[in-house]
């Protein structure tokens, strides 16, 4: 039986680089699910994350990532996280259960 490779990518939206990265991974034969690395594109939220106030946003960050985690119906071959600012080590451990490989840039 043919198994299609699946990639889950968290990447900040920045000058459409996220779309280019998704296309490059698809060209390698993967089915790609792309998400923004930050839980919101709101300027205030982005500023809090950028300046390290993740504790203030802990619940929002956890809910964002857990919703994505819970929507995964199958094992992911590779999880790629580009420029992580908001994902926590605890969330990464949780994703480890459904992701064969994790790559962080």
N, C-alpha and C. Protein backbone atom coordinates (compact mmCIF):
# COMPACT_ATOMS: atom_id res chain seq x y z
N UNK A 1 0.85 -1.18 0.00
CA UNK A 1 0.00 0.00 0.00
C UNK A 1 0.89 1.24 0.00
N UNK A 2 0.52 2.20 -0.79
CA UNK A 2 1.29 3.44 -0.91
C UNK A 2 0.97 4.37 0.26
N UNK A 3 2.01 4.86 0.89
CA UNK A 3 1.87 5.77 2.02
C UNK A 3 2.37 7.15 1.60
N UNK A 4 1.49 8.13 1.61
CA UNK A 4 1.94 9.48 1.26
C UNK A 4 2.62 10.09 2.48
N UNK A 5 3.69 10.81 2.24
CA UNK A 5 4.42 11.43 3.33
C UNK A 5 3.69 12.70 3.75
N UNK A 6 3.64 12.92 5.05
CA UNK A 6 2.92 14.08 5.57
C UNK A 6 3.86 14.95 6.38
N UNK A 7 3.81 16.27 6.13
CA UNK A 7 4.62 17.24 6.87
C UNK A 7 3.69 18.26 7.53
N UNK A 8 4.01 18.59 8.76
CA UNK A 8 3.32 19.65 9.50
C UNK A 8 4.35 20.76 9.68
N UNK A 9 4.00 21.97 9.25
CA UNK A 9 4.95 23.07 9.27
C UNK A 9 4.37 24.26 10.04
N UNK A 10 5.15 24.74 11.01
CA UNK A 10 4.83 25.97 11.72
C UNK A 10 5.86 27.00 11.30
N UNK A 11 5.38 28.10 10.73
CA UNK A 11 6.28 29.10 10.18
C UNK A 11 5.59 30.46 10.28
N UNK A 12 6.30 31.50 10.68
CA UNK A 12 5.66 32.82 10.70
C UNK A 12 5.32 33.28 9.29
N UNK A 13 4.22 33.98 9.16
CA UNK A 13 3.85 34.56 7.87
C UNK A 13 4.72 35.79 7.66
N UNK A 14 5.53 35.75 6.59
CA UNK A 14 6.49 36.83 6.37
C UNK A 14 6.82 36.89 4.89
N UNK A 15 6.32 37.92 4.20
CA UNK A 15 6.59 38.13 2.78
C UNK A 15 6.34 36.88 1.93
N UNK A 16 5.35 36.10 2.27
CA UNK A 16 4.97 34.87 1.55
C UNK A 16 6.05 33.79 1.56
N UNK A 17 7.04 33.91 2.46
CA UNK A 17 8.06 32.86 2.57
C UNK A 17 7.42 31.55 2.99
N UNK A 18 6.38 31.63 3.84
CA UNK A 18 5.72 30.42 4.29
C UNK A 18 5.14 29.63 3.12
N UNK A 19 4.58 30.32 2.14
CA UNK A 19 4.02 29.66 0.96
C UNK A 19 5.13 29.04 0.12
N UNK A 20 6.24 29.75 -0.02
CA UNK A 20 7.39 29.22 -0.78
C UNK A 20 7.98 27.99 -0.10
N UNK A 21 8.06 28.03 1.22
CA UNK A 21 8.56 26.88 1.98
C UNK A 21 7.62 25.69 1.80
N UNK A 22 6.33 25.94 1.86
CA UNK A 22 5.34 24.87 1.68
C UNK A 22 5.50 24.25 0.29
N UNK A 23 5.64 25.06 -0.74
CA UNK A 23 5.81 24.55 -2.10
C UNK A 23 7.08 23.70 -2.22
N UNK A 24 8.16 24.16 -1.61
CA UNK A 24 9.42 23.41 -1.68
C UNK A 24 9.29 22.05 -1.01
N UNK A 25 8.58 21.98 0.10
CA UNK A 25 8.38 20.71 0.79
C UNK A 25 7.46 19.81 -0.03
N UNK A 26 6.42 20.38 -0.63
CA UNK A 26 5.54 19.60 -1.50
C UNK A 26 6.30 19.03 -2.69
N UNK A 27 7.26 19.79 -3.21
CA UNK A 27 8.08 19.30 -4.33
C UNK A 27 8.93 18.10 -3.93
N UNK A 28 9.12 17.90 -2.63
CA UNK A 28 9.85 16.73 -2.13
C UNK A 28 8.93 15.53 -1.92
N UNK A 29 7.65 15.69 -2.29
CA UNK A 29 6.71 14.58 -2.22
C UNK A 29 5.85 14.52 -0.98
N UNK A 30 5.83 15.57 -0.21
CA UNK A 30 5.05 15.61 1.02
C UNK A 30 3.71 16.29 0.82
N UNK A 31 2.74 15.84 1.57
CA UNK A 31 1.49 16.56 1.74
C UNK A 31 1.74 17.48 2.94
N UNK A 32 1.53 18.78 2.76
CA UNK A 32 1.93 19.76 3.78
C UNK A 32 0.73 20.44 4.42
N UNK A 33 0.74 20.46 5.74
CA UNK A 33 -0.23 21.24 6.51
C UNK A 33 0.55 22.40 7.12
N UNK A 34 0.22 23.62 6.71
CA UNK A 34 0.97 24.82 7.11
C UNK A 34 0.17 25.64 8.12
N UNK A 35 0.85 26.06 9.20
CA UNK A 35 0.23 26.91 10.22
C UNK A 35 1.20 28.02 10.59
N UNK A 36 0.64 29.16 10.97
CA UNK A 36 1.46 30.24 11.49
C UNK A 36 2.06 29.78 12.82
N UNK A 37 3.30 30.12 13.08
CA UNK A 37 3.95 29.72 14.33
C UNK A 37 3.37 30.48 15.52
N UNK A 38 2.83 31.65 15.28
CA UNK A 38 2.24 32.45 16.34
C UNK A 38 0.72 32.22 16.39
N UNK A 39 0.14 32.24 17.57
CA UNK A 39 -1.29 31.96 17.70
C UNK A 39 -2.20 33.06 17.17
N UNK A 40 -1.63 34.21 16.84
CA UNK A 40 -2.42 35.33 16.34
C UNK A 40 -1.54 36.27 15.53
N UNK A 41 -2.15 36.91 14.54
CA UNK A 41 -1.41 37.90 13.76
C UNK A 41 -1.64 39.31 14.28
N UNK A 42 -2.39 39.42 15.37
CA UNK A 42 -2.64 40.70 16.01
C UNK A 42 -1.32 41.33 16.44
N UNK A 43 -1.13 42.59 16.15
CA UNK A 43 0.12 43.29 16.44
C UNK A 43 0.49 43.23 17.92
N UNK A 44 -0.48 43.41 18.79
CA UNK A 44 -0.23 43.38 20.23
C UNK A 44 0.25 42.00 20.68
N UNK A 45 -0.42 40.96 20.20
CA UNK A 45 -0.05 39.58 20.56
C UNK A 45 1.35 39.28 20.03
N UNK A 46 1.62 39.65 18.79
CA UNK A 46 2.94 39.41 18.21
C UNK A 46 4.03 40.13 19.00
N UNK A 47 3.74 41.35 19.45
CA UNK A 47 4.72 42.11 20.23
C UNK A 47 4.98 41.43 21.58
N UNK A 48 3.93 40.97 22.24
CA UNK A 48 4.12 40.27 23.52
C UNK A 48 5.00 39.03 23.33
N UNK A 49 4.75 38.27 22.28
CA UNK A 49 5.56 37.08 22.01
C UNK A 49 6.99 37.48 21.70
N UNK A 50 7.16 38.45 20.84
CA UNK A 50 8.50 38.89 20.42
C UNK A 50 9.34 39.34 21.61
N UNK A 51 8.71 40.00 22.59
CA UNK A 51 9.45 40.51 23.74
C UNK A 51 9.47 39.54 24.92
N UNK A 52 9.04 38.29 24.67
CA UNK A 52 9.19 37.24 25.67
C UNK A 52 8.12 37.18 26.74
N UNK A 53 6.96 37.74 26.49
CA UNK A 53 5.88 37.69 27.47
C UNK A 53 4.94 36.52 27.20
N UNK A 54 5.51 35.37 26.88
CA UNK A 54 4.70 34.19 26.57
C UNK A 54 3.86 33.73 27.75
N UNK A 55 4.34 33.96 28.97
CA UNK A 55 3.58 33.54 30.14
C UNK A 55 2.22 34.24 30.20
N UNK A 56 2.16 35.48 29.75
CA UNK A 56 0.90 36.22 29.71
C UNK A 56 -0.08 35.56 28.74
N UNK A 57 0.46 34.97 27.70
CA UNK A 57 -0.36 34.36 26.64
C UNK A 57 -0.41 32.84 26.71
N UNK A 58 0.02 32.28 27.83
CA UNK A 58 0.17 30.82 27.93
C UNK A 58 -1.09 30.07 27.50
N UNK A 59 -2.23 30.47 27.99
CA UNK A 59 -3.47 29.77 27.66
C UNK A 59 -3.79 29.87 26.16
N UNK A 60 -3.61 31.05 25.59
CA UNK A 60 -3.88 31.26 24.16
C UNK A 60 -2.94 30.40 23.31
N UNK A 61 -1.66 30.38 23.68
CA UNK A 61 -0.67 29.59 22.96
C UNK A 61 -1.00 28.10 23.06
N UNK A 62 -1.27 27.63 24.27
CA UNK A 62 -1.60 26.22 24.47
C UNK A 62 -2.84 25.82 23.68
N UNK A 63 -3.89 26.63 23.74
CA UNK A 63 -5.13 26.31 23.01
C UNK A 63 -4.88 26.24 21.51
N UNK A 64 -4.09 27.17 21.00
CA UNK A 64 -3.79 27.21 19.57
C UNK A 64 -3.10 25.92 19.13
N UNK A 65 -2.04 25.55 19.83
CA UNK A 65 -1.29 24.35 19.44
C UNK A 65 -2.06 23.07 19.73
N UNK A 66 -2.79 23.02 20.83
CA UNK A 66 -3.54 21.80 21.15
C UNK A 66 -4.68 21.56 20.17
N UNK A 67 -5.30 22.64 19.67
CA UNK A 67 -6.33 22.47 18.64
C UNK A 67 -5.74 21.83 17.38
N UNK A 68 -4.56 22.26 17.01
CA UNK A 68 -3.89 21.68 15.84
C UNK A 68 -3.50 20.24 16.14
N UNK A 69 -2.91 20.01 17.31
CA UNK A 69 -2.51 18.66 17.71
C UNK A 69 -3.70 17.70 17.69
N UNK A 70 -4.81 18.12 18.26
CA UNK A 70 -6.00 17.27 18.34
C UNK A 70 -6.64 17.02 16.97
N UNK A 71 -6.35 17.88 16.01
CA UNK A 71 -6.92 17.69 14.67
C UNK A 71 -6.10 16.69 13.83
N UNK A 72 -4.93 16.30 14.32
CA UNK A 72 -4.11 15.34 13.58
C UNK A 72 -4.71 13.94 13.69
N UNK A 73 -5.12 13.39 12.56
CA UNK A 73 -5.75 12.08 12.54
C UNK A 73 -4.77 10.95 12.32
N UNK A 74 -3.57 11.29 11.88
CA UNK A 74 -2.57 10.28 11.58
C UNK A 74 -1.20 10.78 11.99
N UNK A 75 -0.27 9.85 12.02
CA UNK A 75 1.11 10.21 12.35
C UNK A 75 1.68 11.11 11.26
N UNK A 76 2.45 12.09 11.68
CA UNK A 76 3.10 13.02 10.77
C UNK A 76 4.54 12.56 10.59
N UNK A 77 5.00 12.52 9.34
CA UNK A 77 6.37 12.07 9.08
C UNK A 77 7.40 13.08 9.57
N UNK A 78 7.10 14.36 9.40
CA UNK A 78 8.05 15.38 9.83
C UNK A 78 7.30 16.64 10.28
N UNK A 79 7.74 17.15 11.42
CA UNK A 79 7.25 18.42 11.93
C UNK A 79 8.39 19.41 11.77
N UNK A 80 8.14 20.49 11.06
CA UNK A 80 9.15 21.52 10.83
C UNK A 80 8.67 22.81 11.50
N UNK A 81 9.52 23.36 12.36
CA UNK A 81 9.19 24.61 13.04
C UNK A 81 10.26 25.62 12.67
N UNK A 82 9.84 26.69 12.03
CA UNK A 82 10.77 27.72 11.57
C UNK A 82 10.61 28.97 12.43
N UNK A 83 11.73 29.43 12.98
CA UNK A 83 11.76 30.63 13.81
C UNK A 83 10.77 30.55 14.97
N UNK A 84 10.89 29.53 15.83
CA UNK A 84 9.92 29.37 16.92
C UNK A 84 10.04 30.49 17.95
N UNK A 85 8.92 31.09 18.24
CA UNK A 85 8.86 32.12 19.27
C UNK A 85 7.85 31.79 20.35
N UNK A 86 6.85 30.97 20.02
CA UNK A 86 5.77 30.77 20.99
C UNK A 86 5.61 29.33 21.46
N UNK A 87 6.00 28.35 20.69
CA UNK A 87 5.81 26.96 21.10
C UNK A 87 6.70 26.64 22.30
N UNK A 88 6.16 25.91 23.26
CA UNK A 88 6.89 25.60 24.49
C UNK A 88 7.49 24.20 24.41
N UNK A 89 8.49 23.90 25.24
CA UNK A 89 9.04 22.54 25.28
C UNK A 89 7.99 21.49 25.62
N UNK A 90 7.04 21.83 26.47
CA UNK A 90 5.98 20.89 26.83
C UNK A 90 5.12 20.54 25.62
N UNK A 91 4.80 21.55 24.81
CA UNK A 91 4.02 21.30 23.60
C UNK A 91 4.81 20.47 22.60
N UNK A 92 6.11 20.74 22.50
CA UNK A 92 6.95 19.94 21.61
C UNK A 92 6.94 18.47 22.02
N UNK A 93 6.99 18.21 23.32
CA UNK A 93 6.94 16.83 23.81
C UNK A 93 5.63 16.16 23.42
N UNK A 94 4.56 16.91 23.49
CA UNK A 94 3.26 16.37 23.10
C UNK A 94 3.25 16.01 21.61
N UNK A 95 3.77 16.92 20.77
CA UNK A 95 3.81 16.66 19.33
C UNK A 95 4.70 15.47 19.01
N UNK A 96 5.72 15.22 19.83
CA UNK A 96 6.62 14.10 19.60
C UNK A 96 5.85 12.78 19.49
N UNK A 97 4.74 12.68 20.19
CA UNK A 97 3.93 11.46 20.16
C UNK A 97 3.27 11.19 18.81
N UNK A 98 3.07 12.22 18.00
CA UNK A 98 2.41 12.04 16.71
C UNK A 98 3.32 12.36 15.53
N UNK A 99 4.58 12.75 15.80
CA UNK A 99 5.50 13.15 14.75
C UNK A 99 6.75 12.29 14.79
N UNK A 100 7.07 11.66 13.67
CA UNK A 100 8.24 10.79 13.62
C UNK A 100 9.54 11.57 13.77
N UNK A 101 9.61 12.73 13.13
CA UNK A 101 10.80 13.58 13.17
C UNK A 101 10.40 15.01 13.42
N UNK A 102 11.22 15.73 14.19
CA UNK A 102 10.99 17.15 14.43
C UNK A 102 12.26 17.90 14.06
N UNK A 103 12.08 18.94 13.24
CA UNK A 103 13.19 19.78 12.81
C UNK A 103 12.85 21.22 13.20
N UNK A 104 13.79 21.88 13.86
CA UNK A 104 13.58 23.25 14.29
C UNK A 104 14.66 24.12 13.66
N UNK A 105 14.25 25.18 12.97
CA UNK A 105 15.19 26.13 12.37
C UNK A 105 15.11 27.45 13.09
